[in-house]
Amino acid sequence: MNPPTFATIASVLVDQFHVDAEKANPAATLDGLGLDSLALMEFVFAVEDRFDVRIPEDRLDPREAGVTLERLSDLIDEAVAARQPVDDVAG
């Protein structure tokens, strides 16, 4: 887990979704954050937007029990690493 990635995810959770900072730890499960299913989807979209990536639904379904913030952080890091720089796409 990349600490800066996790810190950004935790920041989105606390600042935009008003979850207590104590709950925003790597082992916290998405379904244990106290957000309803719509808010969970909005949270994942907000994190994806923050990193300018999309995680395929087959890699992450936020409604799936047991998905942790650490797993989300790892998936974001993978998506960022796989993203092609704009210069490579244009050239």
N, C-alpha and C. Protein backbone atom coordinates (compact mmCIF):
# COMPACT_ATOMS: atom_id res chain seq x y z
N MET A 1 0.85 -1.19 0.00
CA MET A 1 0.00 0.00 0.00
C MET A 1 0.89 1.24 0.00
N ASN A 2 0.55 2.15 -0.89
CA ASN A 2 1.28 3.39 -1.03
C ASN A 2 0.67 4.42 -0.06
N PRO A 3 1.42 4.86 0.97
CA PRO A 3 0.86 5.79 1.96
C PRO A 3 0.25 7.07 1.39
N PRO A 4 0.87 7.73 0.39
CA PRO A 4 0.23 8.93 -0.16
C PRO A 4 -1.12 8.63 -0.82
N THR A 5 -1.22 7.51 -1.50
CA THR A 5 -2.50 7.13 -2.11
C THR A 5 -3.55 6.92 -1.03
N PHE A 6 -3.17 6.17 0.00
CA PHE A 6 -4.12 5.92 1.07
C PHE A 6 -4.54 7.23 1.75
N ALA A 7 -3.60 8.13 1.98
CA ALA A 7 -3.91 9.40 2.63
C ALA A 7 -4.93 10.20 1.80
N THR A 8 -4.79 10.16 0.49
CA THR A 8 -5.74 10.86 -0.37
C THR A 8 -7.11 10.23 -0.29
N ILE A 9 -7.17 8.90 -0.30
CA ILE A 9 -8.45 8.19 -0.18
C ILE A 9 -9.11 8.53 1.15
N ALA A 10 -8.34 8.49 2.22
CA ALA A 10 -8.87 8.82 3.55
C ALA A 10 -9.38 10.25 3.59
N SER A 11 -8.67 11.15 2.95
CA SER A 11 -9.07 12.56 2.90
C SER A 11 -10.41 12.72 2.20
N VAL A 12 -10.61 12.02 1.07
CA VAL A 12 -11.89 12.07 0.36
C VAL A 12 -12.99 11.57 1.28
N LEU A 13 -12.74 10.47 1.95
CA LEU A 13 -13.72 9.86 2.83
C LEU A 13 -14.13 10.80 3.96
N VAL A 14 -13.16 11.42 4.59
CA VAL A 14 -13.42 12.30 5.73
C VAL A 14 -14.02 13.64 5.28
N ASP A 15 -13.40 14.26 4.28
CA ASP A 15 -13.81 15.60 3.87
C ASP A 15 -15.12 15.64 3.09
N GLN A 16 -15.32 14.69 2.19
CA GLN A 16 -16.50 14.73 1.33
C GLN A 16 -17.65 13.88 1.84
N PHE A 17 -17.33 12.83 2.61
CA PHE A 17 -18.39 11.91 3.05
C PHE A 17 -18.58 11.92 4.57
N HIS A 18 -17.84 12.79 5.24
CA HIS A 18 -18.01 13.06 6.67
C HIS A 18 -17.92 11.80 7.54
N VAL A 19 -17.01 10.91 7.16
CA VAL A 19 -16.75 9.71 7.96
C VAL A 19 -15.68 10.09 8.98
N ASP A 20 -15.83 9.62 10.20
CA ASP A 20 -14.83 9.89 11.24
C ASP A 20 -13.45 9.43 10.79
N ALA A 21 -12.46 10.28 11.04
CA ALA A 21 -11.10 9.96 10.63
C ALA A 21 -10.60 8.65 11.23
N GLU A 22 -11.08 8.31 12.41
CA GLU A 22 -10.67 7.05 13.06
C GLU A 22 -11.12 5.83 12.27
N LYS A 23 -12.21 5.96 11.54
CA LYS A 23 -12.70 4.84 10.73
C LYS A 23 -11.92 4.69 9.43
N ALA A 24 -11.22 5.73 9.03
CA ALA A 24 -10.49 5.72 7.77
C ALA A 24 -9.11 5.10 7.97
N ASN A 25 -9.10 3.80 8.19
CA ASN A 25 -7.83 3.09 8.36
C ASN A 25 -7.76 1.98 7.31
N PRO A 26 -6.57 1.50 6.99
CA PRO A 26 -6.42 0.52 5.90
C PRO A 26 -7.27 -0.73 6.05
N ALA A 27 -7.51 -1.18 7.27
CA ALA A 27 -8.26 -2.41 7.48
C ALA A 27 -9.78 -2.21 7.44
N ALA A 28 -10.22 -0.97 7.41
CA ALA A 28 -11.66 -0.69 7.39
C ALA A 28 -12.27 -1.21 6.10
N THR A 29 -13.41 -1.88 6.24
CA THR A 29 -14.12 -2.37 5.05
C THR A 29 -15.06 -1.29 4.55
N LEU A 30 -15.27 -1.28 3.25
CA LEU A 30 -16.16 -0.28 2.67
C LEU A 30 -17.56 -0.40 3.25
N ASP A 31 -18.02 -1.65 3.45
CA ASP A 31 -19.36 -1.82 3.99
C ASP A 31 -19.44 -1.50 5.47
N GLY A 32 -18.31 -1.30 6.13
CA GLY A 32 -18.30 -0.95 7.54
C GLY A 32 -18.14 0.54 7.82
N LEU A 33 -18.17 1.35 6.77
CA LEU A 33 -17.95 2.78 6.94
C LEU A 33 -19.20 3.55 7.33
N GLY A 34 -20.36 2.89 7.26
CA GLY A 34 -21.60 3.55 7.61
C GLY A 34 -22.23 4.30 6.46
N LEU A 35 -21.75 4.06 5.24
CA LEU A 35 -22.33 4.70 4.07
C LEU A 35 -23.34 3.75 3.43
N ASP A 36 -24.42 4.31 2.89
CA ASP A 36 -25.36 3.45 2.17
C ASP A 36 -24.76 3.08 0.81
N SER A 37 -25.42 2.20 0.08
CA SER A 37 -24.85 1.68 -1.17
C SER A 37 -24.62 2.79 -2.20
N LEU A 38 -25.51 3.76 -2.28
CA LEU A 38 -25.32 4.86 -3.21
C LEU A 38 -24.11 5.70 -2.82
N ALA A 39 -23.98 6.01 -1.54
CA ALA A 39 -22.83 6.79 -1.08
C ALA A 39 -21.52 6.03 -1.30
N LEU A 40 -21.54 4.71 -1.15
CA LEU A 40 -20.33 3.92 -1.42
C LEU A 40 -19.90 4.06 -2.88
N MET A 41 -20.87 3.98 -3.78
CA MET A 41 -20.56 4.15 -5.20
C MET A 41 -20.03 5.56 -5.46
N GLU A 42 -20.66 6.55 -4.87
CA GLU A 42 -20.21 7.94 -5.04
C GLU A 42 -18.81 8.12 -4.49
N PHE A 43 -18.51 7.47 -3.37
CA PHE A 43 -17.17 7.54 -2.78
C PHE A 43 -16.13 6.97 -3.74
N VAL A 44 -16.40 5.79 -4.29
CA VAL A 44 -15.45 5.18 -5.23
C VAL A 44 -15.28 6.07 -6.45
N PHE A 45 -16.38 6.63 -6.97
CA PHE A 45 -16.27 7.53 -8.12
C PHE A 45 -15.44 8.76 -7.78
N ALA A 46 -15.62 9.30 -6.58
CA ALA A 46 -14.87 10.49 -6.16
C ALA A 46 -13.37 10.17 -6.07
N VAL A 47 -13.04 8.98 -5.57
CA VAL A 47 -11.63 8.57 -5.49
C VAL A 47 -11.06 8.38 -6.90
N GLU A 48 -11.83 7.73 -7.76
CA GLU A 48 -11.37 7.56 -9.14
C GLU A 48 -11.14 8.91 -9.81
N ASP A 49 -12.06 9.83 -9.61
CA ASP A 49 -11.92 11.17 -10.18
C ASP A 49 -10.68 11.87 -9.65
N ARG A 50 -10.42 11.72 -8.37
CA ARG A 50 -9.26 12.37 -7.75
C ARG A 50 -7.96 11.90 -8.41
N PHE A 51 -7.92 10.61 -8.79
CA PHE A 51 -6.71 10.04 -9.39
C PHE A 51 -6.80 9.96 -10.92
N ASP A 52 -7.93 10.40 -11.47
CA ASP A 52 -8.15 10.38 -12.91
C ASP A 52 -7.97 8.98 -13.50
N VAL A 53 -8.60 8.00 -12.85
CA VAL A 53 -8.57 6.60 -13.31
C VAL A 53 -9.96 6.01 -13.16
N ARG A 54 -10.15 4.86 -13.77
CA ARG A 54 -11.36 4.07 -13.59
C ARG A 54 -10.93 2.65 -13.25
N ILE A 55 -11.58 2.09 -12.24
CA ILE A 55 -11.33 0.71 -11.85
C ILE A 55 -12.46 -0.12 -12.46
N PRO A 56 -12.11 -1.11 -13.27
CA PRO A 56 -13.17 -1.95 -13.85
C PRO A 56 -14.01 -2.60 -12.76
N GLU A 57 -15.31 -2.69 -13.01
CA GLU A 57 -16.23 -3.23 -12.01
C GLU A 57 -15.88 -4.66 -11.61
N ASP A 58 -15.28 -5.42 -12.54
CA ASP A 58 -14.90 -6.78 -12.19
C ASP A 58 -13.71 -6.83 -11.22
N ARG A 59 -13.02 -5.70 -11.05
CA ARG A 59 -11.90 -5.61 -10.10
C ARG A 59 -12.36 -5.10 -8.74
N LEU A 60 -13.47 -4.34 -8.73
CA LEU A 60 -13.95 -3.76 -7.48
C LEU A 60 -15.44 -3.50 -7.56
N ASP A 61 -16.17 -4.12 -6.69
CA ASP A 61 -17.59 -3.81 -6.51
C ASP A 61 -17.70 -3.34 -5.06
N PRO A 62 -17.90 -2.02 -4.84
CA PRO A 62 -17.91 -1.50 -3.47
C PRO A 62 -19.00 -2.10 -2.59
N ARG A 63 -20.00 -2.73 -3.20
CA ARG A 63 -21.05 -3.36 -2.40
C ARG A 63 -20.64 -4.74 -1.90
N GLU A 64 -19.53 -5.25 -2.42
CA GLU A 64 -19.04 -6.56 -2.01
C GLU A 64 -18.51 -6.50 -0.58
N ALA A 65 -18.96 -7.40 0.24
CA ALA A 65 -18.54 -7.41 1.65
C ALA A 65 -17.05 -7.70 1.75
N GLY A 66 -16.41 -7.02 2.67
CA GLY A 66 -15.02 -7.30 2.99
C GLY A 66 -13.98 -6.53 2.21
N VAL A 67 -14.38 -5.70 1.24
CA VAL A 67 -13.41 -4.90 0.50
C VAL A 67 -12.89 -3.82 1.44
N THR A 68 -11.57 -3.77 1.61
CA THR A 68 -10.97 -2.82 2.54
C THR A 68 -10.48 -1.56 1.83
N LEU A 69 -10.22 -0.54 2.62
CA LEU A 69 -9.63 0.68 2.07
C LEU A 69 -8.23 0.39 1.54
N GLU A 70 -7.54 -0.54 2.15
CA GLU A 70 -6.21 -0.93 1.64
C GLU A 70 -6.34 -1.53 0.24
N ARG A 71 -7.34 -2.38 0.02
CA ARG A 71 -7.57 -2.97 -1.30
C ARG A 71 -7.90 -1.88 -2.31
N LEU A 72 -8.74 -0.94 -1.94
CA LEU A 72 -9.06 0.17 -2.82
C LEU A 72 -7.80 0.95 -3.17
N SER A 73 -6.96 1.20 -2.19
CA SER A 73 -5.71 1.92 -2.40
C SER A 73 -4.81 1.16 -3.39
N ASP A 74 -4.71 -0.15 -3.21
CA ASP A 74 -3.89 -0.96 -4.12
C ASP A 74 -4.43 -0.92 -5.55
N LEU A 75 -5.76 -1.00 -5.69
CA LEU A 75 -6.37 -0.96 -7.02
C LEU A 75 -6.15 0.39 -7.70
N ILE A 76 -6.21 1.46 -6.92
CA ILE A 76 -5.93 2.80 -7.46
C ILE A 76 -4.48 2.86 -7.94
N ASP A 77 -3.56 2.36 -7.13
CA ASP A 77 -2.15 2.37 -7.53
C ASP A 77 -1.93 1.58 -8.81
N GLU A 78 -2.59 0.43 -8.92
CA GLU A 78 -2.47 -0.38 -10.14
C GLU A 78 -3.02 0.37 -11.35
N ALA A 79 -4.15 1.02 -11.19
CA ALA A 79 -4.76 1.77 -12.29
C ALA A 79 -3.89 2.95 -12.71
N VAL A 80 -3.30 3.63 -11.74
CA VAL A 80 -2.42 4.76 -12.04
C VAL A 80 -1.18 4.25 -12.79
N ALA A 81 -0.61 3.14 -12.35
CA ALA A 81 0.59 2.59 -12.99
C ALA A 81 0.31 2.12 -14.42
N ALA A 82 -0.91 1.66 -14.67
CA ALA A 82 -1.27 1.15 -15.99
C ALA A 82 -1.68 2.25 -16.96
N ARG A 83 -1.94 3.42 -16.42
CA ARG A 83 -2.41 4.54 -17.26
C ARG A 83 -1.28 4.99 -18.18
N GLN A 84 -1.62 5.20 -19.45
CA GLN A 84 -0.63 5.69 -20.40
C GLN A 84 -0.52 7.20 -20.27
N PRO A 85 0.71 7.71 -20.26
CA PRO A 85 0.85 9.18 -20.28
C PRO A 85 0.21 9.75 -21.55
N VAL A 86 -0.30 10.95 -21.44
CA VAL A 86 -0.97 11.60 -22.57
C VAL A 86 -0.04 11.70 -23.76
N ASP A 87 1.26 11.99 -23.55
CA ASP A 87 2.22 12.11 -24.64
C ASP A 87 2.34 10.80 -25.42
N ASP A 88 2.30 9.64 -24.73
CA ASP A 88 2.40 8.35 -25.41
C ASP A 88 1.19 8.09 -26.29
N VAL A 89 0.03 8.49 -25.84
CA VAL A 89 -1.20 8.25 -26.60
C VAL A 89 -1.20 9.12 -27.85
N ALA A 90 -0.77 10.37 -27.74
CA ALA A 90 -0.79 11.30 -28.85
C ALA A 90 0.30 11.01 -29.89
N GLY A 91 1.41 10.45 -29.43
CA GLY A 91 2.55 10.31 -30.31
C GLY A 91 2.65 9.01 -30.95
